Amino acid sequence: MGEGDGNELLSTRQMAEVDRLTAERGVPGAILMDRAGAAVAAECAAIVGRHAGILVLCGPGNNGGDGIVAACRLRATGFAVRLALLGEVGSLSGDAAMAMRGWLGPVEQAATASLEGIDLIVDALFGAGLSRALAGSAAELVNRVNDAGLTVLAVDVPSGLDGTTGLVSGPAVQANRTVTFFCFKPGHLLLPGRMLCGDKVLADIGIDQSMPAQVGANTFANNPGLWGRRFPWPTTEGHKYSRGHVLALSGGDTTSGAGRLSARAALRVGAGLVTLGSPDDALVVNGAHLTAVMLKACGDAAALKTILADKRINAVVLGPGLGVGADTRALVEAALDGDVGAGASRSVVLDADALASFAGEADRLGTLIRAAPGPVVVTPHEGEYARLMDEAGAPQGSRLDRARLGAARLGAVMLLKGADTVVAQPCGRASIADADAPWLATAGSGDVLSGLIGGLLAQSMSAFDAASAAAYLHAAVARQFGPGLIAEDIPEGIPSALRALRATTNGARQDGPTGYRRLRSAWNRSLGGA
């Protein structure tokens, strides 16, 4: 397996290259199509009984070919299945044309096919490589399918969805379940694609598992299969000083809570020591709330430099609650000051006001980051990203593209927050959140996330792993807690999330993205083999 340990996400271009290399090694496309079709048929059989009405809607390409194979297998095993084609049979070519030779029933016109008496629609119209908006009869058919309110199983991706970007530019099928093959694609996890796919099933169709590395896979589903083996668990010989010292900065007396949330999260995730640097007007309120977190006066950039003269402080978290303006800019400059002495290193997490204070000055911030004495993680949400990058109008490109662009421009690991949080390195390596956590949409949750990252950085986790692991744990707590979550609950839920993580990483490796299901050796199961 490659570095993603089975969590690689392949672009449509990379998947096409996998298909080409697989054919070169003696497994022709027709065999892969037969296995894919068998996987789709097996999933249909798991959804409905033999007396249910199944309509397989096929397009003119290989996605349609997968649907044709599925229809053939379903029909051969006694299912009530109809096949409808968007286009003419004579227009099929290659493997799809070969698959159609095995269909012994009538071929209906997809554009006018009746949905009466149908319990399950198989969407095999267009695959992940579609990069244009559906129009004409195809668009009308997709709208009719969505309006029908029937159960829909999509093949590869719901038709109309770009598998690489997760974006749609016109009508797209709303599926209840999606079966894809060999590897998930970014569009299965990025919004709005994630919402269109419904439940996701990954089918093994016999492709060599070394292929992702061979085609340069650099995007991964963010779960413990990616970074769990490098998580910094305490060791018998360890002690608090070996687990790092985080300095989190507090805002003034009316905004001090944000810094405390960051500090507590850093301590909960395993940092050996955490200090909260506080301006004078917030010392009393911070002191009244802190116990295990230490407190130190830090009223300006000069005071911060004095504190950071202690080389044992190896991670700094700043931004939450600091306020936007010149004073915060000066604090950022002090934290990123590269003069830490021989052999010393200091990681920095920049969040919230630390980023807002550099609105429109991404290149200036990037210059400071590149001179920093250690790795830097920036954690904007979309609004902060747009202001930092001085974007005008609606966001351009997928969130994956935007996170990569931001990371490269700043020279930092970027965690672009959202329901589909993306973590990207300047080199382009990236992870995408692979499970939903809607309860995180609450004030202060981002402050906790920055503290989690800082706590993991202090324990010498790499910036990419620390940001990815923090995003995962952050969401895991929210899913476990559920409705009513507020930011203060998240640090208190970290121990439970860590116990679950330890059980996962001590046992068998996680089998694909959280909550997703893999269909192993589909062509040898239930419906027979190729």
Foldseek 3Di string as FASTA:
>chain_A
DDLLLQFFADAPVLVVVLQVVQVVVPQHPLLLLLLLLLLVLVVVVVPDPQAAEEEEEAEQDSLSLSSLSVQLLSVVVRHHYAYEYQDDLVSHDDSSVVSNVSDDDDYHHLLPDDCPRHQEYEASHDAQQDDDADDDSVQVSQVVQQVVPHAYEYERFWPQANQAFLDGDYRTHQHQAYEYEDHGHVNCQFPPRVRSHRAYAYEYSPRDNCSCVVSPGQEGAQDCSNCVVPFLDDDPPDALLLLAEEEEEAAAQVQRVLSVLLQLLLVLLPRSAYEYAYAPRNQVVVVVPDDRHHYDHDRALVSVLVVLLPLRHAEYEYARNHDAEDRLCSNLLSQQAQPNDPPGAHEYEHEHRNLVNQFPPLQVQLVSQVSGRYAYEYEEEPVSLCRNVVHDDDDDTHPLVSQQVSQLSNVHFYFHDDQFTKTAHVVSRIHTHQDGQVQCPAPSLVSSLSSQLRSRVRSVDHSRSSNSVSVVLSSVLSVVVDPPDYSVVSSVSSVVSVVVSVVQSVDDHDNYGPSHHYHYSSQPPDSHHD
